[in-house]
Amino acid sequence: MKKILLIGVAVLVALVVLAGVLAITFLNSLVKKGVETAGPIVTKVELRLASADISILSGKGTLRGLFIGNPTGYKTASAIEVGEATLALKPSSLLSDKIVVRQVNVVAPEITFEGSLKGSNLSKILENIQAFTASEQAAKSGDKGKAKKLQVDDFAVTDGKIHLSATLLGGKALTVPLPDIHLAGLGQGPEGVTPGELIEKVFKEVLEGTLKAVGHALANVGKEAVETAKDVGKGAVKQAEKVGKGITDLFKKKK
């Protein structure tokens, strides 16, 4: 009887080990597929991820080559591209109702801001995210079951760049640094945050940082245009002031 019991335990252990190996083998492809499948549902734009390398044992991982496309009607190739992002999560939380992410570091994102008096590519993506979050909340209120929640203890975006090509500047390209973004304690309460709520919070910060940086840079460009035009004549000064006002109006509109 003891021998049969030991054999049963050995088989159980073998199955657990096998399950762990399979999880490690397929986790990365599942993350990649999840980003590329669920991402467009939330943002309404194309999302691609080149690779994901995550250890289910340590909880540490690296995502590479994240591409976020533009909404319909915008001409630039992408809205945001990220070469590398690292994360650290609590492995045991993968089996719980709330996945706990200890740290996320997004390194050197490249943001392309395509704007007009009607809005921008980033504000349009935020509108799409907010629409998804609203539908997510409605579904949550009518769903008795427990959906997966998230907790992110520390989220940072560093060394980002913003590329701007505005019609108001006659197609002139301008690149400015993105202010570093740091968020802490997201979803630490018992309810956590939904994926949509997390994406909305982060994207709002990215948009606000972008508008602040680009607005400041373009204000300086407008001042320089006025100063240069003084040497040309009154007509040129008026035209330069018009350009400066147009730039100010552009960045008063976030949607």
Protein backbone atom coordinates (compact mmCIF):
# COMPACT_ATOMS: atom_id res chain seq x y z
CA MET A 1 0.00 0.00 0.00
CA LYS A 2 2.85 2.37 0.90
CA LYS A 3 4.57 1.55 -2.40
CA ILE A 4 1.43 2.36 -4.40
CA LEU A 5 1.08 5.64 -2.49
CA LEU A 6 4.70 6.63 -3.27
CA ILE A 7 4.20 5.86 -6.96
CA GLY A 8 1.10 8.05 -6.95
CA VAL A 9 2.99 10.94 -5.37
CA ALA A 10 5.83 10.56 -7.88
CA VAL A 11 3.39 10.71 -10.79
CA LEU A 12 1.75 13.82 -9.32
CA VAL A 13 5.11 15.55 -8.92
CA ALA A 14 6.04 14.66 -12.51
CA LEU A 15 2.80 16.18 -13.79
CA VAL A 16 3.41 19.40 -11.82
CA VAL A 17 6.95 19.68 -13.22
CA LEU A 18 5.67 19.02 -16.74
CA ALA A 19 3.01 21.70 -16.33
CA GLY A 20 5.68 24.16 -15.21
CA VAL A 21 7.88 23.38 -18.21
CA LEU A 22 4.95 23.83 -20.60
CA ALA A 23 4.00 27.12 -18.96
CA ILE A 24 7.56 28.46 -19.34
CA THR A 25 7.69 27.24 -22.95
CA PHE A 26 4.43 28.84 -24.05
CA LEU A 27 4.16 31.86 -21.74
CA ASN A 28 6.20 34.17 -23.97
CA SER A 29 4.25 33.34 -27.11
CA LEU A 30 1.02 33.82 -25.16
CA VAL A 31 2.15 37.27 -24.00
CA LYS A 32 3.02 38.27 -27.57
CA LYS A 33 -0.30 36.98 -28.88
CA GLY A 34 -2.16 38.66 -26.03
CA VAL A 35 -0.61 42.06 -26.77
CA GLU A 36 -1.31 41.81 -30.49
CA THR A 37 -4.86 40.50 -30.02
CA ALA A 38 -6.18 42.38 -26.98
CA GLY A 39 -4.21 45.60 -27.59
CA PRO A 40 -6.11 46.65 -30.74
CA ILE A 41 -9.43 45.98 -28.98
CA VAL A 42 -8.51 48.57 -26.33
CA THR A 43 -6.75 51.17 -28.49
CA LYS A 44 -8.43 50.62 -31.91
CA VAL A 45 -4.99 50.80 -33.54
CA GLU A 46 -2.47 48.20 -34.63
CA LEU A 47 -0.17 46.77 -31.94
CA ARG A 48 2.82 44.54 -32.57
CA LEU A 49 5.35 43.00 -30.20
CA ALA A 50 8.59 41.58 -31.59
CA SER A 51 9.34 39.30 -28.63
CA ALA A 52 8.62 38.55 -24.98
CA ASP A 53 11.05 36.86 -22.61
CA ILE A 54 9.45 36.21 -19.22
CA SER A 55 10.44 33.70 -16.55
CA ILE A 56 7.49 32.23 -14.69
CA LEU A 57 9.89 31.22 -11.88
CA SER A 58 11.54 34.59 -11.16
CA GLY A 59 8.75 36.76 -12.51
CA LYS A 60 11.23 38.93 -14.39
CA GLY A 61 10.95 39.61 -18.08
CA THR A 62 11.73 41.81 -21.07
CA LEU A 63 9.44 42.91 -23.87
CA ARG A 64 11.07 44.09 -27.10
CA GLY A 65 9.91 45.90 -30.18
CA LEU A 66 6.52 47.27 -29.15
CA PHE A 67 4.79 49.10 -32.03
CA ILE A 68 1.64 51.17 -31.55
CA GLY A 69 0.10 52.34 -34.82
CA ASN A 70 -1.90 55.43 -35.65
CA PRO A 71 -5.67 55.87 -35.89
CA THR A 72 -7.26 56.05 -39.34
CA GLY A 73 -6.63 59.37 -41.06
CA TYR A 74 -3.16 60.03 -39.67
CA LYS A 75 -0.21 59.78 -42.02
CA THR A 76 2.86 59.05 -39.89
CA ALA A 77 4.05 55.45 -39.57
CA SER A 78 3.41 55.02 -35.85
CA ALA A 79 2.26 56.76 -32.69
CA ILE A 80 4.66 55.08 -30.23
CA GLU A 81 7.54 52.63 -30.61
CA VAL A 82 9.39 51.09 -27.67
CA GLY A 83 12.65 49.24 -28.13
CA GLU A 84 12.64 47.61 -24.71
CA ALA A 85 10.56 47.40 -21.54
CA THR A 86 11.42 45.35 -18.46
CA LEU A 87 9.08 44.08 -15.79
CA ALA A 88 9.08 42.15 -12.54
CA LEU A 89 5.94 40.46 -11.25
CA LYS A 90 5.02 38.27 -8.31
CA PRO A 91 4.94 34.74 -9.78
CA SER A 92 2.45 33.35 -7.28
CA SER A 93 -0.05 36.09 -8.19
CA LEU A 94 -0.48 34.62 -11.67
CA LEU A 95 -2.85 32.09 -10.14
CA SER A 96 -4.78 34.63 -8.04
CA ASP A 97 -7.58 37.06 -8.88
CA LYS A 98 -5.10 39.96 -8.92
CA ILE A 99 -1.79 39.85 -10.77
CA VAL A 100 0.83 41.85 -8.85
CA VAL A 101 3.47 43.62 -10.96
CA ARG A 102 6.33 44.90 -8.84
CA GLN A 103 7.99 47.09 -11.44
CA VAL A 104 7.71 48.18 -15.07
CA ASN A 105 10.43 50.20 -16.82
CA VAL A 106 9.77 51.53 -20.32
CA VAL A 107 13.10 52.62 -21.79
CA ALA A 108 13.55 55.27 -24.51
CA PRO A 109 10.13 55.27 -26.20
CA GLU A 110 9.88 57.09 -29.53
CA ILE A 111 6.65 59.09 -29.77
CA THR A 112 5.43 60.63 -33.02
CA PHE A 113 3.00 63.47 -32.37
CA GLU A 114 0.85 64.28 -35.37
CA GLY A 115 -1.39 67.20 -34.55
CA SER A 116 -3.82 69.69 -36.05
CA LEU A 117 -6.41 72.14 -34.77
CA LYS A 118 -8.84 69.22 -34.62
CA GLY A 119 -6.72 67.17 -32.23
CA SER A 120 -3.89 64.66 -32.44
CA ASN A 121 -3.15 61.00 -32.97
CA LEU A 122 -2.42 60.53 -29.26
CA SER A 123 -5.62 62.20 -28.09
CA LYS A 124 -7.62 60.04 -30.51
CA ILE A 125 -6.03 56.87 -29.12
CA LEU A 126 -6.86 58.08 -25.59
CA GLU A 127 -10.49 58.58 -26.66
CA ASN A 128 -10.53 54.99 -27.92
CA ILE A 129 -9.08 53.72 -24.63
CA GLN A 130 -11.62 55.70 -22.60
CA ALA A 131 -14.48 54.26 -24.67
CA PHE A 132 -13.18 50.75 -23.96
CA THR A 133 -12.82 51.49 -20.25
CA ALA A 134 -16.41 52.75 -20.11
CA SER A 135 -17.68 49.54 -21.73
CA GLU A 136 -15.43 47.53 -19.41
CA GLN A 137 -16.99 49.22 -16.36
CA ALA A 138 -20.50 48.58 -17.67
CA ALA A 139 -19.70 44.92 -18.21
CA LYS A 140 -18.14 44.67 -14.75
CA SER A 141 -21.25 46.06 -13.05
CA GLY A 142 -23.41 43.41 -14.70
CA ASP A 143 -20.97 40.53 -14.24
CA LYS A 144 -21.22 38.55 -11.03
CA GLY A 145 -17.98 36.68 -11.67
CA LYS A 146 -14.52 37.85 -10.69
CA ALA A 147 -12.41 39.21 -13.54
CA LYS A 148 -8.63 39.39 -13.40
CA LYS A 149 -7.34 42.60 -11.81
CA LEU A 150 -3.91 44.19 -11.75
CA GLN A 151 -1.66 45.90 -9.24
CA VAL A 152 1.40 47.82 -10.42
CA ASP A 153 3.65 49.02 -7.61
CA ASP A 154 6.04 51.07 -9.75
CA PHE A 155 5.77 52.22 -13.38
CA ALA A 156 8.45 54.36 -15.04
CA VAL A 157 9.04 55.79 -18.51
CA THR A 158 12.52 57.21 -19.06
CA ASP A 159 14.64 58.77 -21.83
CA GLY A 160 11.71 59.18 -24.22
CA LYS A 161 11.73 61.33 -27.35
CA ILE A 162 8.88 63.11 -29.13
CA HIS A 163 9.03 63.61 -32.88
CA LEU A 164 6.81 66.35 -34.29
CA SER A 165 6.05 67.35 -37.83
CA ALA A 166 3.37 70.03 -37.72
CA THR A 167 1.61 71.59 -40.69
CA LEU A 168 1.90 74.94 -38.93
CA LEU A 169 5.68 74.66 -39.23
CA GLY A 170 5.58 73.95 -42.95
CA GLY A 171 6.57 70.32 -42.47
CA LYS A 172 9.63 71.16 -40.40
CA ALA A 173 10.65 68.27 -38.14
CA LEU A 174 11.21 68.85 -34.45
CA THR A 175 12.37 66.42 -31.76
CA VAL A 176 12.06 67.17 -28.04
CA PRO A 177 12.63 65.06 -24.91
CA LEU A 178 9.66 63.47 -23.15
CA PRO A 179 9.62 64.30 -19.43
CA ASP A 180 10.22 61.15 -17.36
CA ILE A 181 7.01 59.58 -16.06
CA HIS A 182 6.75 57.81 -12.69
CA LEU A 183 3.58 56.26 -11.28
CA ALA A 184 3.37 54.31 -8.03
CA GLY A 185 0.79 52.30 -6.13
CA LEU A 186 -1.58 51.61 -9.00
CA GLY A 187 -4.36 49.22 -7.96
CA GLN A 188 -2.97 48.51 -4.49
CA GLY A 189 -6.43 48.45 -2.94
CA PRO A 190 -8.48 45.25 -2.69
CA GLU A 191 -10.27 45.99 -5.98
CA GLY A 192 -7.09 46.51 -8.01
CA VAL A 193 -7.39 48.04 -11.49
CA THR A 194 -8.65 46.57 -14.72
CA PRO A 195 -6.33 46.38 -17.77
CA GLY A 196 -8.32 49.18 -19.41
CA GLU A 197 -8.04 51.44 -16.36
CA LEU A 198 -4.31 50.86 -16.18
CA ILE A 199 -3.76 51.62 -19.87
CA GLU A 200 -5.90 54.77 -19.62
CA LYS A 201 -3.97 56.07 -16.60
CA VAL A 202 -0.57 55.51 -18.23
CA PHE A 203 -1.63 56.91 -21.61
CA LYS A 204 -3.03 60.06 -19.98
CA GLU A 205 0.35 60.68 -18.40
CA VAL A 206 2.11 60.13 -21.72
CA LEU A 207 -0.25 62.54 -23.51
CA GLU A 208 0.05 65.23 -20.83
CA GLY A 209 3.84 64.97 -20.82
CA THR A 210 3.91 65.14 -24.61
CA LEU A 211 1.62 68.19 -24.81
CA LYS A 212 3.65 70.01 -22.17
CA ALA A 213 7.01 69.31 -23.83
CA VAL A 214 5.89 70.02 -27.39
CA GLY A 215 3.84 73.07 -26.43
CA HIS A 216 6.84 74.58 -24.66
CA ALA A 217 9.16 73.81 -27.59
CA LEU A 218 6.78 75.24 -30.18
CA ALA A 219 6.20 78.36 -28.11
CA ASN A 220 9.95 78.96 -28.32
CA VAL A 221 9.85 78.33 -32.07
CA GLY A 222 7.06 80.91 -32.40
CA LYS A 223 9.06 83.50 -30.44
CA GLU A 224 12.10 82.89 -32.61
CA ALA A 225 9.98 83.31 -35.73
CA VAL A 226 8.72 86.69 -34.51
CA GLU A 227 12.23 87.89 -33.63
CA THR A 228 13.58 86.82 -37.03
CA ALA A 229 10.69 88.44 -38.87
CA LYS A 230 11.42 91.83 -37.30
CA ASP A 231 14.37 92.18 -39.64
CA VAL A 232 12.14 91.54 -42.66
CA GLY A 233 9.19 93.87 -42.10
CA LYS A 234 5.81 94.40 -40.47
CA GLY A 235 4.02 91.94 -42.78
CA ALA A 236 6.40 89.16 -41.83
CA VAL A 237 6.00 89.97 -38.14
CA LYS A 238 2.22 89.65 -38.40
CA GLN A 239 2.57 86.33 -40.20
CA ALA A 240 4.99 85.02 -37.56
CA GLU A 241 2.64 86.11 -34.77
CA LYS A 242 -0.19 84.28 -36.54
CA VAL A 243 1.93 81.14 -36.60
CA GLY A 244 2.69 81.52 -32.90
CA LYS A 245 -1.01 81.93 -32.06
CA GLY A 246 -1.86 78.88 -34.17
CA ILE A 247 0.69 76.83 -32.24
CA THR A 248 -0.79 77.99 -28.91
CA ASP A 249 -4.32 77.13 -30.04
CA LEU A 250 -3.16 73.71 -31.21
CA PHE A 251 -1.91 72.67 -27.81
CA LYS A 252 -4.90 74.01 -25.92
CA LYS A 253 -6.85 71.19 -27.57
CA LYS A 254 -6.13 67.79 -26.11
CA LYS A 255 -8.96 65.98 -27.91
